[in-house]
């Protein structure tokens, strides 16, 4: 017999999860505080971009297995998939998790299962949710089962990864973990590994922290290589020929709801121990400042008000998600320096400075910065862009463009992690002079 599931939060994780369970025969009630989201879903529509999700949602709604509402209801299982942001002082904001847990309290019954999917600091399930759910009068772990099963999906591939990725199942006890596994086995084809809720919380945070630290290393390498006068991308490529090395790539910063947030949860919990994690976060957060300084230097000879065109504003390529995007901070820093700004992003529908096409965005621009490596930017209309621009600089922050093609179209190509006006070049000239003088 298929169960009834109530999912709290219909965002980038809650909505695909709702549609996936519904498409496998469960009766799913999706709950969200946003009335626009609820109304759209009940029409079989979605307001986020994710490949094939619209088709899955429409089919699930049409079948009668999926509907949305503003408040929870009685169910066999409750899944909480609400945001867990950080505050301005880099501390975990548990407001949404607490509110979501409180909201289901009137509907909890003996034998129910409650699952936290939201990426959360260690101790959230045991120290935040368990005491709230204890108000039900039910014995947690025996009459009411509780655990944490963090999502591990990549935007743009969510539906495929929901099914195929391995999953960590953390329960407050073994029985809770087994109940969660039984529910997710409805559609998960990957391996499911059972552990404690707190261990599962740490695993998810550390998976993202590992990547954040690695990117910080790459960003620091990019700065060092610019100073020395070599190409950081070549260094990374060659280092990764080693079978035990896997350097990530530099860029204008790290964004998103995971990598830019989760490491701070660890720092907040044990600040005296998480020193490398904190330094890595600060390194990645510094990249928009570094990019503005680089733009300042590149345009130092331009007189009057300077204009910069940004290609891309999302936190990663080929999606519409702007959460914690470093490009947003880059824009704010450019504003502080009174730059004129234009933006083109084929995935974003509304944002200040956003232009409808790339040629309009490039009009009278002094510099074009490729900030996000969307597929649409691989082959740019360089000739048309050049004819509209006032300057001729292209700054590639992702090593994404064909340098020769860019230069053949009359641009000066600049790359993050490389500089042509460098100390190594000066050192090379000195060596030449020494060689010539010694011959003489």
Protein backbone atom coordinates (compact mmCIF):
# COMPACT_ATOMS: atom_id res chain seq x y z
CA UNK A 1 0.00 0.00 0.00
CA UNK A 2 1.42 3.39 -1.02
CA UNK A 3 1.80 5.99 1.73
CA UNK A 4 0.74 9.61 1.95
CA UNK A 5 3.62 12.06 2.15
CA UNK A 6 3.55 15.71 3.20
CA UNK A 7 6.56 17.68 1.96
CA UNK A 8 7.26 21.08 3.52
CA UNK A 9 9.03 23.45 1.13
CA UNK A 10 8.57 23.41 -2.65
CA UNK A 11 11.87 24.86 -3.78
CA UNK A 12 14.74 23.37 -5.78
CA UNK A 13 14.74 20.20 -3.64
CA UNK A 14 11.22 19.90 -2.25
CA UNK A 15 9.45 20.23 -5.58
CA UNK A 16 11.47 17.60 -7.51
CA UNK A 17 11.24 15.26 -4.51
CA UNK A 18 7.47 15.75 -4.37
CA UNK A 19 7.10 15.02 -8.07
CA UNK A 20 9.35 11.96 -7.84
CA UNK A 21 7.39 10.37 -4.99
CA UNK A 22 4.07 11.22 -6.70
CA UNK A 23 5.22 9.68 -9.97
CA UNK A 24 5.92 6.45 -8.09
CA UNK A 25 2.40 6.11 -6.76
CA UNK A 26 2.49 8.00 -3.47
CA UNK A 27 -0.12 10.58 -2.58
CA UNK A 28 1.90 13.74 -2.04
CA UNK A 29 0.84 17.02 -0.47
CA UNK A 30 3.36 19.78 -1.15
CA UNK A 31 3.30 22.66 1.31
CA UNK A 32 4.74 26.12 0.79
CA UNK A 33 4.17 29.56 2.31
CA UNK A 34 4.39 31.14 -1.14
CA UNK A 35 0.88 31.26 -2.59
CA UNK A 36 2.24 31.78 -6.11
CA UNK A 37 4.16 28.49 -5.88
CA UNK A 38 1.10 26.64 -4.57
CA UNK A 39 -1.25 28.00 -7.22
CA UNK A 40 1.21 27.26 -10.02
CA UNK A 41 1.76 23.68 -8.87
CA UNK A 42 -1.97 22.96 -8.68
CA UNK A 43 -2.17 24.00 -12.34
CA UNK A 44 0.66 21.62 -13.18
CA UNK A 45 3.11 24.50 -13.60
CA UNK A 46 6.47 25.32 -12.02
CA UNK A 47 8.32 28.59 -11.45
CA UNK A 48 11.87 27.22 -11.38
CA UNK A 49 14.09 26.03 -14.22
CA UNK A 50 15.04 22.35 -14.14
CA UNK A 51 15.19 19.99 -17.14
CA UNK A 52 12.11 17.73 -17.46
CA UNK A 53 10.71 18.79 -14.09
CA UNK A 54 7.76 20.53 -15.73
CA UNK A 55 6.79 17.30 -17.51
CA UNK A 56 7.05 15.22 -14.33
CA UNK A 57 5.05 17.74 -12.29
CA UNK A 58 2.32 18.05 -14.89
CA UNK A 59 1.92 14.28 -15.07
CA UNK A 60 1.87 13.94 -11.28
CA UNK A 61 -0.76 16.66 -10.87
CA UNK A 62 -2.89 15.25 -13.69
CA UNK A 63 -2.79 11.79 -12.07
CA UNK A 64 -4.13 13.25 -8.83
CA UNK A 65 -1.08 12.10 -6.86
CA UNK A 66 0.34 15.59 -6.33
CA UNK A 67 -1.30 18.71 -5.03
CA UNK A 68 -0.14 21.75 -3.12
CA UNK A 69 -1.48 23.79 -0.23
CA UNK A 70 -0.40 26.46 2.23
CA UNK A 71 -0.63 24.35 5.39
CA UNK A 72 0.36 20.78 6.33
CA UNK A 73 -2.09 17.95 6.84
CA UNK A 74 -2.11 14.44 8.29
CA UNK A 75 0.20 12.03 6.49
CA UNK A 76 2.24 8.89 6.97
CA UNK A 77 5.54 10.67 6.39
CA UNK A 78 6.69 14.28 6.58
CA UNK A 79 9.73 15.58 4.69
CA UNK A 80 11.15 18.99 5.56
CA UNK A 81 13.00 20.66 2.69
CA UNK A 82 13.15 24.33 3.66
CA UNK A 83 16.09 26.77 3.37
CA UNK A 84 18.83 26.87 6.00
CA UNK A 85 20.55 30.19 5.27
CA UNK A 86 23.29 31.96 7.19
CA UNK A 87 22.96 35.26 8.98
CA UNK A 88 25.09 38.31 8.22
CA UNK A 89 27.50 37.26 10.96
CA UNK A 90 27.87 33.81 9.34
CA UNK A 91 25.77 31.81 11.77
CA UNK A 92 23.17 29.19 10.90
CA UNK A 93 19.63 30.54 10.70
CA UNK A 94 17.37 27.72 11.85
CA UNK A 95 14.16 29.79 11.68
CA UNK A 96 12.68 27.88 8.74
CA UNK A 97 13.51 24.43 10.07
CA UNK A 98 12.02 25.27 13.46
CA UNK A 99 8.89 26.78 11.90
CA UNK A 100 8.41 23.82 9.56
CA UNK A 101 8.78 21.35 12.42
CA UNK A 102 6.31 23.30 14.56
CA UNK A 103 3.87 23.45 11.64
CA UNK A 104 3.53 19.66 11.38
CA UNK A 105 3.17 19.12 15.12
CA UNK A 106 -0.69 19.23 15.13
CA UNK A 107 -0.80 16.54 12.43
CA UNK A 108 1.69 14.05 13.87
CA UNK A 109 0.29 10.60 14.68
CA UNK A 110 1.71 7.39 16.11
CA UNK A 111 3.79 5.52 13.54
CA UNK A 112 4.63 8.63 11.48
CA UNK A 113 8.04 9.28 9.95
CA UNK A 114 9.69 12.73 9.91
CA UNK A 115 12.68 13.35 7.64
CA UNK A 116 14.87 16.45 7.46
CA UNK A 117 16.30 16.89 3.95
CA UNK A 118 17.55 20.46 4.43
CA UNK A 119 21.32 20.71 4.76
CA UNK A 120 21.74 21.59 8.42
CA UNK A 121 24.40 22.01 11.11
CA UNK A 122 25.34 18.99 13.18
CA UNK A 123 22.86 18.46 15.98
CA UNK A 124 19.84 19.91 14.17
CA UNK A 125 17.88 16.66 14.10
CA UNK A 126 18.70 15.70 17.68
CA UNK A 127 18.86 19.12 19.35
CA UNK A 128 16.35 21.21 17.38
CA UNK A 129 13.74 18.91 15.82
CA UNK A 130 13.56 16.13 18.41
CA UNK A 131 12.56 18.42 21.33
CA UNK A 132 9.88 20.10 19.20
CA UNK A 133 8.43 16.80 18.03
CA UNK A 134 8.56 15.53 21.60
CA UNK A 135 5.71 17.93 22.36
CA UNK A 136 3.46 15.49 20.51
CA UNK A 137 3.64 13.16 23.50
CA UNK A 138 4.93 10.37 21.28
CA UNK A 139 8.15 8.54 22.12
CA UNK A 140 10.70 9.54 19.48
CA UNK A 141 12.33 6.52 17.89
CA UNK A 142 9.60 4.11 18.98
CA UNK A 143 6.25 5.74 18.22
CA UNK A 144 7.52 8.54 15.97
CA UNK A 145 10.50 7.96 13.71
CA UNK A 146 12.95 10.76 12.93
CA UNK A 147 16.06 11.21 10.83
CA UNK A 148 18.08 13.17 8.31
CA UNK A 149 18.66 12.24 4.67
CA UNK A 150 20.46 15.10 2.95
CA UNK A 151 19.96 15.76 -0.74
CA UNK A 152 23.08 15.33 -2.89
CA UNK A 153 21.88 16.53 -6.27
CA UNK A 154 23.25 18.91 -8.86
CA UNK A 155 20.95 21.61 -10.27
CA UNK A 156 20.38 20.87 -13.93
CA UNK A 157 20.54 17.12 -13.24
CA UNK A 158 18.27 16.86 -10.21
CA UNK A 159 15.80 14.25 -11.46
CA UNK A 160 18.49 11.88 -12.69
CA UNK A 161 20.55 12.26 -9.53
CA UNK A 162 17.59 11.84 -7.18
CA UNK A 163 17.22 8.36 -8.63
CA UNK A 164 20.80 7.30 -9.27
CA UNK A 165 22.93 8.94 -6.57
CA UNK A 166 23.96 7.05 -3.46
CA UNK A 167 22.14 8.30 -0.39
CA UNK A 168 23.09 8.72 3.26
CA UNK A 169 20.30 7.78 5.67
CA UNK A 170 20.74 9.10 9.19
CA UNK A 171 18.31 8.12 11.93
CA UNK A 172 18.09 9.02 15.59
CA UNK A 173 18.08 5.25 16.02
CA UNK A 174 18.38 2.20 13.77
CA UNK A 175 14.63 1.76 13.38
CA UNK A 176 14.23 5.36 12.19
CA UNK A 177 17.00 4.92 9.61
CA UNK A 178 15.38 1.72 8.34
CA UNK A 179 12.00 3.44 7.98
CA UNK A 180 13.60 6.23 5.95
CA UNK A 181 15.39 3.72 3.74
CA UNK A 182 12.14 1.87 3.11
CA UNK A 183 10.45 5.07 1.97
CA UNK A 184 13.22 6.23 -0.37
CA UNK A 185 13.64 2.76 -1.84
CA UNK A 186 10.47 3.62 -3.77
CA UNK A 187 12.62 5.33 -6.41
CA UNK A 188 16.28 5.46 -5.32
CA UNK A 189 18.47 3.10 -7.35
CA UNK A 190 21.75 4.14 -5.75
CA UNK A 191 23.17 2.57 -2.60
CA UNK A 192 21.69 3.74 0.70
CA UNK A 193 24.03 3.86 3.68
CA UNK A 194 22.57 3.88 7.19
CA UNK A 195 24.16 5.90 9.98
CA UNK A 196 23.22 8.33 12.75
CA UNK A 197 21.44 11.61 12.04
CA UNK A 198 24.38 13.68 13.30
CA UNK A 199 26.85 11.75 11.16
CA UNK A 200 24.63 12.29 8.11
CA UNK A 201 24.53 16.02 8.85
CA UNK A 202 28.31 16.20 9.03
CA UNK A 203 28.74 14.12 5.86
CA UNK A 204 26.69 16.56 3.79
CA UNK A 205 28.50 19.59 5.17
CA UNK A 206 31.91 18.02 4.67
CA UNK A 207 31.14 16.98 1.08
CA UNK A 208 30.52 20.62 0.22
CA UNK A 209 33.34 21.88 2.43
CA UNK A 210 35.83 19.62 0.64
CA UNK A 211 34.91 21.24 -2.66
CA UNK A 212 34.94 24.74 -1.20
CA UNK A 213 38.43 24.25 0.25
CA UNK A 214 39.67 22.82 -3.04
CA UNK A 215 38.27 25.80 -4.97
CA UNK A 216 39.90 28.16 -2.48
CA UNK A 217 43.23 26.47 -3.20
CA UNK A 218 42.64 26.99 -6.92
CA UNK A 219 41.70 30.64 -6.40
CA UNK A 220 44.81 31.24 -4.35
CA UNK A 221 46.85 29.53 -7.05
CA UNK A 222 45.29 31.86 -9.65
CA UNK A 223 46.42 34.90 -7.66
CA UNK A 224 49.91 33.47 -7.20
CA UNK A 225 50.26 32.62 -10.90
CA UNK A 226 49.17 36.12 -11.90
CA UNK A 227 51.85 37.51 -9.61
CA UNK A 228 54.56 35.17 -10.87
CA UNK A 229 53.49 35.38 -14.49
CA UNK A 230 52.41 31.88 -15.44
CA UNK A 231 49.08 30.35 -16.42
CA UNK A 232 47.19 28.83 -13.47
CA UNK A 233 44.97 26.78 -15.78
CA UNK A 234 47.99 25.08 -17.34
CA UNK A 235 49.40 24.40 -13.87
CA UNK A 236 46.10 22.80 -12.80
CA UNK A 237 45.84 20.74 -15.97
CA UNK A 238 49.36 19.39 -15.59
CA UNK A 239 49.05 18.77 -11.85
CA UNK A 240 45.89 16.77 -12.47
CA UNK A 241 47.87 14.40 -14.68
CA UNK A 242 49.12 13.01 -11.37
CA UNK A 243 46.89 10.07 -10.37
CA UNK A 244 46.42 11.35 -6.81
CA UNK A 245 45.84 15.05 -7.52
CA UNK A 246 42.48 16.64 -8.28
CA UNK A 247 42.77 20.42 -8.21
CA UNK A 248 39.52 22.27 -8.89
CA UNK A 249 39.22 25.42 -11.01
CA UNK A 250 39.40 29.07 -9.98
CA UNK A 251 36.70 31.61 -10.70
CA UNK A 252 35.11 34.90 -9.60
CA UNK A 253 33.84 33.35 -6.37
CA UNK A 254 31.73 30.51 -5.00
CA UNK A 255 27.95 30.67 -4.77
CA UNK A 256 24.85 28.59 -4.32
CA UNK A 257 22.87 27.35 -1.35
CA UNK A 258 25.46 24.70 -0.43
CA UNK A 259 29.13 25.45 -1.08
CA UNK A 260 28.93 29.10 -0.04
CA UNK A 261 26.90 28.31 3.08
CA UNK A 262 27.57 24.87 4.54
CA UNK A 263 31.21 25.41 5.60
CA UNK A 264 30.06 28.27 7.83
CA UNK A 265 27.87 25.79 9.74
CA UNK A 266 31.01 23.91 10.76
CA UNK A 267 32.88 27.12 11.60
CA UNK A 268 29.93 28.31 13.70
CA UNK A 269 29.86 25.05 15.65
CA UNK A 270 33.61 24.77 16.38
CA UNK A 271 35.31 28.06 15.37
CA UNK A 272 38.49 27.27 17.30
CA UNK A 273 39.00 24.06 15.30
CA UNK A 274 37.73 24.89 11.79
CA UNK A 275 40.60 27.19 10.84
CA UNK A 276 41.32 25.91 7.32
CA UNK A 277 37.60 25.83 6.54
CA UNK A 278 37.17 29.44 7.67
CA UNK A 279 40.21 30.65 5.73
CA UNK A 280 38.97 28.89 2.60
CA UNK A 281 35.56 30.52 2.90
CA UNK A 282 37.21 33.92 3.29
CA UNK A 283 39.44 33.24 0.29
CA UNK A 284 36.49 32.40 -1.94
CA UNK A 285 34.47 35.32 -0.59
CA UNK A 286 37.37 37.61 -1.51
CA UNK A 287 37.24 36.79 -5.21
CA UNK A 288 34.64 39.43 -6.22
CA UNK A 289 36.92 42.05 -4.63
CA UNK A 290 39.88 40.61 -6.51
CA UNK A 291 37.93 40.74 -9.77
CA UNK A 292 36.98 44.39 -9.26
CA UNK A 293 40.62 45.27 -8.61
CA UNK A 294 41.57 43.43 -11.78
CA UNK A 295 38.94 45.33 -13.77
CA UNK A 296 40.18 48.60 -12.25
CA UNK A 297 43.70 47.88 -13.49
CA UNK A 298 42.56 46.81 -16.95
CA UNK A 299 40.55 50.02 -17.37
CA UNK A 300 42.97 52.36 -15.62
CA UNK A 301 43.65 54.29 -18.84
CA UNK A 302 39.98 54.78 -19.74
CA UNK A 303 38.78 58.34 -19.19
CA UNK A 304 35.34 59.26 -17.87
CA UNK A 305 32.61 56.87 -16.72
CA UNK A 306 33.54 53.28 -17.43
CA UNK A 307 31.13 50.58 -18.53
CA UNK A 308 31.44 46.86 -17.79
CA UNK A 309 29.27 44.15 -19.35
CA UNK A 310 28.83 40.93 -17.40
CA UNK A 311 27.95 37.71 -19.18
CA UNK A 312 26.10 35.60 -16.64
CA UNK A 313 24.84 36.28 -13.14
CA UNK A 314 23.77 32.86 -11.80
CA UNK A 315 25.95 30.98 -9.33
CA UNK A 316 26.67 28.17 -11.81
CA UNK A 317 26.16 27.51 -15.54
CA UNK A 318 22.95 26.59 -17.34
CA UNK A 319 20.51 27.26 -14.49
CA UNK A 320 18.47 30.26 -13.31
CA UNK A 321 19.52 30.02 -9.65
CA UNK A 322 21.15 33.19 -8.28
CA UNK A 323 21.32 32.19 -4.61
CA UNK A 324 24.57 33.45 -3.04
CA UNK A 325 25.95 34.20 -6.51
CA UNK A 326 29.34 35.93 -6.28
CA UNK A 327 28.39 37.89 -9.40
CA UNK A 328 25.71 39.69 -7.41
CA UNK A 329 28.39 40.86 -4.99
CA UNK A 330 30.65 41.76 -7.91
CA UNK A 331 27.86 44.00 -9.23
CA UNK A 332 27.48 45.69 -5.84
CA UNK A 333 31.22 46.39 -5.73
CA UNK A 334 31.16 47.82 -9.26
CA UNK A 335 28.24 50.03 -8.21
CA UNK A 336 30.26 51.35 -5.27
CA UNK A 337 32.95 52.42 -7.74
CA UNK A 338 30.36 54.12 -9.99
CA UNK A 339 30.80 51.80 -12.95
CA UNK A 340 28.06 51.68 -15.55
CA UNK A 341 26.88 48.06 -15.70
CA UNK A 342 25.01 45.90 -18.17
CA UNK A 343 24.23 42.19 -17.93
CA UNK A 344 23.19 39.45 -20.29
CA UNK A 345 22.09 36.08 -18.94
CA UNK A 346 19.84 33.83 -21.04
CA UNK A 347 18.58 32.01 -17.93
CA UNK A 348 17.53 35.02 -15.84
CA UNK A 349 14.26 36.78 -16.63
CA UNK A 350 14.43 39.79 -14.32
CA UNK A 351 17.29 41.68 -12.69
CA UNK A 352 18.60 45.20 -12.68
CA UNK A 353 20.89 46.06 -15.61
CA UNK A 354 19.68 42.95 -17.47
CA UNK A 355 19.48 43.41 -21.25
CA UNK A 356 17.40 41.36 -23.67
CA UNK A 357 20.32 40.40 -25.91
CA UNK A 358 24.08 40.35 -25.87
CA UNK A 359 24.55 43.06 -28.50
CA UNK A 360 22.47 45.55 -26.53
CA UNK A 361 24.38 44.65 -23.37
CA UNK A 362 27.71 45.33 -25.11
CA UNK A 363 26.74 48.76 -26.44
CA UNK A 364 29.40 51.34 -25.47
CA UNK A 365 31.04 48.86 -23.11
CA UNK A 366 34.73 49.16 -22.25
CA UNK A 367 35.12 45.60 -21.01
CA UNK A 368 33.12 42.37 -21.27
CA UNK A 369 33.63 39.89 -18.44
CA UNK A 370 32.57 36.29 -18.94
CA UNK A 371 31.40 35.55 -15.40
CA UNK A 372 29.41 32.32 -15.89
CA UNK A 373 30.23 29.60 -18.41
CA UNK A 374 26.73 29.05 -19.80
CA UNK A 375 26.63 26.83 -22.90
CA UNK A 376 25.25 29.77 -24.86
CA UNK A 377 28.49 31.68 -24.30
CA UNK A 378 30.80 29.11 -25.87
CA UNK A 379 30.38 30.68 -29.31
CA UNK A 380 29.83 34.39 -28.82
CA UNK A 381 28.87 36.77 -31.67
CA UNK A 382 32.27 38.42 -31.30
CA UNK A 383 32.12 40.51 -34.45
CA UNK A 384 28.75 42.00 -33.50
CA UNK A 385 29.90 42.57 -29.93
CA UNK A 386 33.06 44.36 -31.07
CA UNK A 387 31.07 46.66 -33.36
CA UNK A 388 28.90 47.75 -30.42
CA UNK A 389 31.65 48.22 -27.85
CA UNK A 390 33.70 51.30 -27.08
CA UNK A 391 36.65 49.27 -25.81
CA UNK A 392 38.13 45.94 -26.85
CA UNK A 393 38.74 43.99 -23.63
CA UNK A 394 37.33 40.56 -22.82
CA UNK A 395 38.03 39.18 -19.36
CA UNK A 396 37.49 35.42 -19.18
CA UNK A 397 37.04 34.35 -15.55
CA UNK A 398 36.39 30.71 -16.45
CA UNK A 399 38.98 29.85 -19.12
CA UNK A 400 35.98 29.15 -21.33
CA UNK A 401 36.55 31.12 -24.50
CA UNK A 402 38.74 30.36 -27.50
CA UNK A 403 41.60 32.82 -27.03
CA UNK A 404 42.66 32.77 -30.68
CA UNK A 405 39.12 33.33 -31.91
CA UNK A 406 38.65 36.22 -29.48
CA UNK A 407 41.91 37.86 -30.51
CA UNK A 408 41.26 37.28 -34.22
CA UNK A 409 38.11 39.36 -33.81
CA UNK A 410 40.07 42.34 -32.55
CA UNK A 411 39.80 41.86 -28.80
CA UNK A 412 42.46 41.92 -26.14
CA UNK A 413 41.94 38.69 -24.20
CA UNK A 414 42.55 38.66 -20.45
CA UNK A 415 42.30 35.52 -18.33
CA UNK A 416 41.85 35.11 -14.59
CA UNK A 417 44.94 33.29 -13.37
CA UNK A 418 47.26 34.69 -16.01
CA UNK A 419 48.89 38.02 -16.72
CA UNK A 420 51.04 39.22 -19.58
CA UNK A 421 52.49 42.16 -17.66
CA UNK A 422 54.28 40.14 -15.06
CA UNK A 423 57.39 39.69 -13.00
CA UNK A 424 58.43 36.58 -14.88
CA UNK A 425 58.48 38.51 -18.14
CA UNK A 426 60.58 41.21 -16.49
CA UNK A 427 62.87 38.52 -15.10
CA UNK A 428 63.16 37.01 -18.57
CA UNK A 429 64.18 40.36 -20.02
CA UNK A 430 66.84 40.72 -17.33
CA UNK A 431 68.21 37.27 -18.19
CA UNK A 432 68.36 38.25 -21.86
CA UNK A 433 70.27 41.42 -21.02
CA UNK A 434 72.71 39.45 -18.87
CA UNK A 435 73.20 36.91 -21.67
CA UNK A 436 73.79 39.62 -24.27
CA UNK A 437 76.23 41.51 -22.07
CA UNK A 438 78.15 38.33 -21.26
CA UNK A 439 78.47 37.54 -24.97
CA UNK A 440 79.63 41.07 -25.64
